[in-house]
């Protein structure tokens, strides 16, 4: 497995645990991995990604595909957690207009990048 794919997996796993903790604060996963450790993992991986981006230049199509995958994944996790009966304690849910505006802006940026690369 590629090192960066492993980093991406750890990042998405940690982000999923944070979302589960947000939607189901009384679940057993809340005690499995402390929230502060999870936050430190995500911040560390994010900083590592930003620093490494200077040394590796991913293709524009890889970047666009990664953005699309991230949006689909996060939307699917929110949809699944809502369908399982969870309610976001922080307000990051499907009923929040800010989530939809952010989704629209992200999709607009992806389409603009895709059109620019063609």
N, C-alpha and C. Protein backbone atom coordinates (compact mmCIF):
# COMPACT_ATOMS: atom_id res chain seq x y z
N UNK A 1 0.84 -1.18 0.00
CA UNK A 1 0.00 0.00 0.00
C UNK A 1 0.89 1.23 0.00
N UNK A 2 0.55 2.17 -0.83
CA UNK A 2 1.27 3.42 -0.94
C UNK A 2 1.19 4.18 0.39
N UNK A 3 2.28 4.87 0.74
CA UNK A 3 2.33 5.61 1.99
C UNK A 3 1.21 6.65 2.07
N UNK A 4 0.95 7.35 0.97
CA UNK A 4 -0.05 8.41 0.99
C UNK A 4 -1.46 7.84 1.07
N UNK A 5 -1.67 6.67 0.51
CA UNK A 5 -2.99 6.04 0.64
C UNK A 5 -3.22 5.60 2.08
N UNK A 6 -2.17 5.18 2.75
CA UNK A 6 -2.27 4.81 4.17
C UNK A 6 -2.60 6.05 5.01
N UNK A 7 -1.95 7.16 4.70
CA UNK A 7 -2.23 8.41 5.40
C UNK A 7 -3.68 8.83 5.16
N UNK A 8 -4.14 8.72 3.91
CA UNK A 8 -5.53 9.07 3.59
C UNK A 8 -6.50 8.19 4.36
N UNK A 9 -6.20 6.89 4.46
CA UNK A 9 -7.07 5.98 5.18
C UNK A 9 -7.16 6.36 6.65
N UNK A 10 -6.04 6.66 7.27
CA UNK A 10 -6.02 7.06 8.68
C UNK A 10 -6.80 8.36 8.86
N UNK A 11 -6.63 9.30 7.93
CA UNK A 11 -7.34 10.57 8.01
C UNK A 11 -8.85 10.36 7.94
N UNK A 12 -9.30 9.57 6.95
CA UNK A 12 -10.73 9.34 6.81
C UNK A 12 -11.30 8.53 7.98
N UNK A 13 -10.53 7.60 8.49
CA UNK A 13 -10.97 6.82 9.65
C UNK A 13 -11.15 7.73 10.86
N UNK A 14 -10.17 8.60 11.11
CA UNK A 14 -10.25 9.53 12.23
C UNK A 14 -11.41 10.51 12.06
N UNK A 15 -11.60 11.00 10.84
CA UNK A 15 -12.70 11.92 10.57
C UNK A 15 -14.05 11.22 10.78
N UNK A 16 -14.14 9.97 10.38
CA UNK A 16 -15.37 9.20 10.58
C UNK A 16 -15.65 9.02 12.07
N UNK A 17 -14.62 8.72 12.85
CA UNK A 17 -14.81 8.58 14.29
C UNK A 17 -15.28 9.90 14.92
N UNK A 18 -14.73 11.01 14.45
CA UNK A 18 -15.19 12.31 14.97
C UNK A 18 -16.65 12.55 14.63
N UNK A 19 -17.05 12.19 13.42
CA UNK A 19 -18.45 12.37 13.04
C UNK A 19 -19.37 11.45 13.83
N UNK A 20 -18.94 10.22 14.08
CA UNK A 20 -19.74 9.30 14.89
C UNK A 20 -19.88 9.85 16.30
N UNK A 21 -18.79 10.39 16.84
CA UNK A 21 -18.85 11.00 18.17
C UNK A 21 -19.78 12.21 18.19
N UNK A 22 -19.85 12.93 17.08
CA UNK A 22 -20.73 14.09 17.00
C UNK A 22 -22.20 13.66 16.92
N UNK A 23 -22.49 12.64 16.13
CA UNK A 23 -23.86 12.19 15.94
C UNK A 23 -24.35 11.29 17.08
N UNK A 24 -23.46 10.51 17.65
CA UNK A 24 -23.82 9.59 18.74
C UNK A 24 -22.82 9.78 19.90
N UNK A 25 -22.96 10.83 20.69
CA UNK A 25 -21.97 11.11 21.75
C UNK A 25 -21.96 10.07 22.87
N UNK A 26 -23.01 9.27 23.00
CA UNK A 26 -23.04 8.27 24.07
C UNK A 26 -22.62 6.88 23.60
N UNK A 27 -22.08 6.77 22.38
CA UNK A 27 -21.73 5.45 21.85
C UNK A 27 -20.44 4.94 22.48
N UNK A 28 -20.19 3.64 22.29
CA UNK A 28 -19.00 3.02 22.86
C UNK A 28 -17.73 3.54 22.16
N UNK A 29 -17.83 4.03 20.93
CA UNK A 29 -16.66 4.53 20.22
C UNK A 29 -16.11 5.80 20.86
N UNK A 30 -16.96 6.50 21.58
CA UNK A 30 -16.51 7.72 22.24
C UNK A 30 -15.43 7.40 23.27
N UNK A 31 -15.53 6.25 23.92
CA UNK A 31 -14.55 5.85 24.92
C UNK A 31 -13.41 5.03 24.32
N UNK A 32 -13.58 4.55 23.10
CA UNK A 32 -12.56 3.72 22.46
C UNK A 32 -11.31 4.52 22.15
N UNK A 33 -11.46 5.64 21.48
CA UNK A 33 -10.34 6.53 21.15
C UNK A 33 -10.70 7.91 21.69
N UNK A 34 -9.88 8.44 22.60
CA UNK A 34 -10.19 9.77 23.16
C UNK A 34 -10.28 10.83 22.06
N UNK A 35 -11.19 11.74 22.22
CA UNK A 35 -11.45 12.77 21.21
C UNK A 35 -10.23 13.65 20.97
N UNK A 36 -9.47 13.95 22.02
CA UNK A 36 -8.29 14.79 21.85
C UNK A 36 -7.23 14.07 21.02
N UNK A 37 -7.07 12.77 21.23
CA UNK A 37 -6.13 12.00 20.42
C UNK A 37 -6.57 11.99 18.96
N UNK A 38 -7.84 11.81 18.75
CA UNK A 38 -8.38 11.81 17.40
C UNK A 38 -8.15 13.17 16.72
N UNK A 39 -8.37 14.25 17.43
CA UNK A 39 -8.13 15.58 16.87
C UNK A 39 -6.66 15.80 16.54
N UNK A 40 -5.78 15.34 17.42
CA UNK A 40 -4.34 15.48 17.17
C UNK A 40 -3.91 14.65 15.96
N UNK A 41 -4.50 13.49 15.79
CA UNK A 41 -4.19 12.66 14.62
C UNK A 41 -4.59 13.40 13.35
N UNK A 42 -5.80 13.93 13.33
CA UNK A 42 -6.27 14.64 12.14
C UNK A 42 -5.42 15.87 11.85
N UNK A 43 -5.13 16.68 12.86
CA UNK A 43 -4.31 17.87 12.65
C UNK A 43 -2.90 17.52 12.19
N UNK A 44 -2.31 16.49 12.76
CA UNK A 44 -0.97 16.06 12.37
C UNK A 44 -0.95 15.58 10.93
N UNK A 45 -1.94 14.78 10.55
CA UNK A 45 -1.99 14.30 9.17
C UNK A 45 -2.23 15.44 8.20
N UNK A 46 -3.03 16.41 8.59
CA UNK A 46 -3.28 17.56 7.73
C UNK A 46 -2.00 18.36 7.52
N UNK A 47 -1.27 18.62 8.59
CA UNK A 47 0.00 19.34 8.47
C UNK A 47 1.02 18.56 7.64
N UNK A 48 1.07 17.25 7.85
CA UNK A 48 1.96 16.41 7.06
C UNK A 48 1.60 16.48 5.58
N UNK A 49 0.33 16.47 5.29
CA UNK A 49 -0.13 16.55 3.90
C UNK A 49 0.26 17.90 3.28
N UNK A 50 0.07 18.98 4.02
CA UNK A 50 0.41 20.31 3.50
C UNK A 50 1.91 20.42 3.25
N UNK A 51 2.72 19.96 4.20
CA UNK A 51 4.17 20.03 4.04
C UNK A 51 4.65 19.14 2.90
N UNK A 52 4.06 17.98 2.75
CA UNK A 52 4.50 17.07 1.69
C UNK A 52 4.07 17.54 0.31
N UNK A 53 3.04 18.35 0.26
CA UNK A 53 2.55 18.84 -1.02
C UNK A 53 3.60 19.69 -1.72
N UNK A 54 4.47 20.29 -0.93
CA UNK A 54 5.54 21.10 -1.52
C UNK A 54 6.55 20.22 -2.28
N UNK A 55 6.71 18.97 -1.85
CA UNK A 55 7.72 18.10 -2.45
C UNK A 55 7.16 17.18 -3.53
N UNK A 56 5.87 16.99 -3.54
CA UNK A 56 5.27 16.16 -4.58
C UNK A 56 4.21 16.98 -5.28
N UNK A 57 4.14 16.84 -6.54
CA UNK A 57 3.18 17.60 -7.33
C UNK A 57 2.17 16.63 -7.94
N UNK A 58 1.03 16.45 -7.27
CA UNK A 58 0.03 15.55 -7.84
C UNK A 58 -0.57 16.14 -9.11
N UNK A 59 -0.97 15.26 -10.02
CA UNK A 59 -1.61 15.71 -11.24
C UNK A 59 -2.94 16.38 -10.89
N UNK A 60 -3.35 17.29 -11.72
CA UNK A 60 -4.59 18.01 -11.47
C UNK A 60 -5.79 17.07 -11.44
N UNK A 61 -5.77 16.03 -12.30
CA UNK A 61 -6.89 15.08 -12.31
C UNK A 61 -6.93 14.28 -11.01
N UNK A 62 -5.77 13.95 -10.46
CA UNK A 62 -5.74 13.24 -9.17
C UNK A 62 -6.30 14.12 -8.07
N UNK A 63 -5.97 15.40 -8.12
CA UNK A 63 -6.46 16.35 -7.14
C UNK A 63 -7.98 16.49 -7.22
N UNK A 64 -8.51 16.60 -8.44
CA UNK A 64 -9.95 16.73 -8.63
C UNK A 64 -10.66 15.46 -8.19
N UNK A 65 -10.11 14.30 -8.54
CA UNK A 65 -10.72 13.03 -8.13
C UNK A 65 -10.71 12.88 -6.62
N UNK A 66 -9.65 13.33 -5.97
CA UNK A 66 -9.59 13.27 -4.51
C UNK A 66 -10.63 14.16 -3.86
N UNK A 67 -10.85 15.33 -4.44
CA UNK A 67 -11.87 16.24 -3.91
C UNK A 67 -13.26 15.65 -4.08
N UNK A 68 -13.52 15.05 -5.23
CA UNK A 68 -14.83 14.44 -5.47
C UNK A 68 -15.05 13.28 -4.50
N UNK A 69 -14.03 12.46 -4.32
CA UNK A 69 -14.13 11.33 -3.39
C UNK A 69 -14.40 11.81 -1.97
N UNK A 70 -13.72 12.86 -1.56
CA UNK A 70 -13.90 13.39 -0.20
C UNK A 70 -15.33 13.89 0.01
N UNK A 71 -15.85 14.61 -0.96
CA UNK A 71 -17.21 15.15 -0.84
C UNK A 71 -18.23 14.01 -0.78
N UNK A 72 -18.07 13.04 -1.67
CA UNK A 72 -19.01 11.90 -1.68
C UNK A 72 -18.93 11.14 -0.38
N UNK A 73 -17.72 10.91 0.12
CA UNK A 73 -17.55 10.15 1.36
C UNK A 73 -18.21 10.87 2.54
N UNK A 74 -17.91 12.15 2.69
CA UNK A 74 -18.46 12.90 3.82
C UNK A 74 -19.98 13.01 3.74
N UNK A 75 -20.51 13.21 2.54
CA UNK A 75 -21.95 13.26 2.37
C UNK A 75 -22.58 11.91 2.71
N UNK A 76 -21.95 10.81 2.27
CA UNK A 76 -22.45 9.48 2.57
C UNK A 76 -22.43 9.20 4.07
N UNK A 77 -21.37 9.58 4.74
CA UNK A 77 -21.29 9.36 6.20
C UNK A 77 -22.36 10.16 6.92
N UNK A 78 -22.57 11.42 6.52
CA UNK A 78 -23.63 12.23 7.14
C UNK A 78 -25.00 11.60 6.89
N UNK A 79 -25.23 11.14 5.67
CA UNK A 79 -26.50 10.51 5.31
C UNK A 79 -26.71 9.24 6.11
N UNK A 80 -25.68 8.42 6.22
CA UNK A 80 -25.77 7.16 6.97
C UNK A 80 -26.02 7.40 8.46
N UNK A 81 -25.27 8.32 9.05
CA UNK A 81 -25.44 8.60 10.48
C UNK A 81 -26.82 9.19 10.76
N UNK A 82 -27.34 10.00 9.84
CA UNK A 82 -28.69 10.55 10.00
C UNK A 82 -29.72 9.44 9.88
N UNK A 83 -29.53 8.53 8.91
CA UNK A 83 -30.46 7.42 8.71
C UNK A 83 -30.46 6.46 9.90
N UNK A 84 -29.33 6.35 10.60
CA UNK A 84 -29.24 5.48 11.77
C UNK A 84 -29.85 6.12 13.02
N UNK A 85 -30.34 7.34 12.87
CA UNK A 85 -31.02 7.99 13.99
C UNK A 85 -30.19 8.99 14.75
N UNK A 86 -29.01 9.31 14.23
CA UNK A 86 -28.15 10.26 14.92
C UNK A 86 -28.53 11.69 14.60
N UNK A 87 -28.17 12.57 15.50
CA UNK A 87 -28.39 14.00 15.30
C UNK A 87 -27.10 14.70 15.70
N UNK A 88 -26.62 15.54 14.81
CA UNK A 88 -25.36 16.21 15.04
C UNK A 88 -25.46 17.17 16.21
N UNK A 89 -24.55 17.05 17.15
CA UNK A 89 -24.52 17.94 18.30
C UNK A 89 -23.95 19.31 17.91
N UNK A 90 -23.10 19.34 16.90
CA UNK A 90 -22.48 20.59 16.49
C UNK A 90 -23.23 21.29 15.36
N UNK A 91 -24.24 20.65 14.82
CA UNK A 91 -25.03 21.26 13.75
C UNK A 91 -24.55 20.94 12.36
N UNK A 92 -23.52 20.09 12.24
CA UNK A 92 -23.03 19.71 10.92
C UNK A 92 -23.86 18.53 10.44
N UNK A 93 -24.98 18.83 9.85
CA UNK A 93 -25.89 17.80 9.39
C UNK A 93 -26.58 18.20 8.10
N UNK A 94 -27.41 17.31 7.61
CA UNK A 94 -28.09 17.56 6.34
C UNK A 94 -29.11 18.67 6.42
N UNK A 95 -29.57 19.00 7.61
CA UNK A 95 -30.54 20.07 7.78
C UNK A 95 -29.93 21.45 7.90
N UNK A 96 -28.62 21.53 7.90
CA UNK A 96 -27.92 22.81 8.05
C UNK A 96 -27.68 23.42 6.68
N UNK A 97 -28.13 24.63 6.48
CA UNK A 97 -27.97 25.30 5.19
C UNK A 97 -26.50 25.56 4.88
N UNK A 98 -25.69 25.74 5.90
CA UNK A 98 -24.26 25.96 5.70
C UNK A 98 -23.57 24.77 5.05
N UNK A 99 -24.02 23.57 5.37
CA UNK A 99 -23.46 22.37 4.75
C UNK A 99 -23.78 22.37 3.26
N UNK A 100 -25.01 22.73 2.91
CA UNK A 100 -25.41 22.74 1.50
C UNK A 100 -24.70 23.84 0.72
N UNK A 101 -24.49 25.00 1.33
CA UNK A 101 -23.77 26.09 0.67
C UNK A 101 -22.31 25.67 0.44
N UNK A 102 -21.71 25.07 1.45
CA UNK A 102 -20.33 24.59 1.32
C UNK A 102 -20.22 23.53 0.24
N UNK A 103 -21.19 22.63 0.19
CA UNK A 103 -21.21 21.60 -0.84
C UNK A 103 -21.32 22.23 -2.23
N UNK A 104 -22.19 23.22 -2.37
CA UNK A 104 -22.34 23.90 -3.66
C UNK A 104 -21.08 24.62 -4.09
N UNK A 105 -20.43 25.31 -3.16
CA UNK A 105 -19.19 26.02 -3.47
C UNK A 105 -18.10 25.02 -3.86
N UNK A 106 -18.01 23.92 -3.14
CA UNK A 106 -17.00 22.90 -3.44
C UNK A 106 -17.22 22.30 -4.82
N UNK A 107 -18.46 21.98 -5.14
CA UNK A 107 -18.76 21.42 -6.46
C UNK A 107 -18.48 22.44 -7.56
N UNK A 108 -18.80 23.70 -7.33
CA UNK A 108 -18.49 24.75 -8.30
C UNK A 108 -17.00 24.88 -8.55
N UNK A 109 -16.22 24.80 -7.48
CA UNK A 109 -14.77 24.87 -7.62
C UNK A 109 -14.22 23.67 -8.38
N UNK A 110 -14.77 22.49 -8.11
CA UNK A 110 -14.32 21.28 -8.81
C UNK A 110 -14.61 21.40 -10.30
N UNK A 111 -15.83 21.84 -10.65
CA UNK A 111 -16.17 22.00 -12.06
C UNK A 111 -15.30 23.05 -12.74
N UNK A 112 -14.98 24.13 -12.03
CA UNK A 112 -14.12 25.16 -12.60
C UNK A 112 -12.71 24.63 -12.84
N UNK A 113 -12.19 23.84 -11.90
CA UNK A 113 -10.86 23.24 -12.07
C UNK A 113 -10.86 22.25 -13.22
N UNK A 114 -11.93 21.47 -13.31
CA UNK A 114 -12.01 20.47 -14.38
C UNK A 114 -12.07 21.15 -15.74
N UNK A 115 -12.85 22.21 -15.85
CA UNK A 115 -12.96 22.94 -17.10
C UNK A 115 -11.63 23.62 -17.46
N UNK A 116 -10.93 24.11 -16.43
CA UNK A 116 -9.64 24.78 -16.64
C UNK A 116 -8.57 23.79 -17.11
N UNK A 117 -8.64 22.55 -16.63
CA UNK A 117 -7.62 21.55 -16.97
C UNK A 117 -7.83 20.97 -18.37
N UNK A 118 -9.02 21.11 -18.92
CA UNK A 118 -9.29 20.54 -20.26
C UNK A 118 -8.80 21.40 -21.36
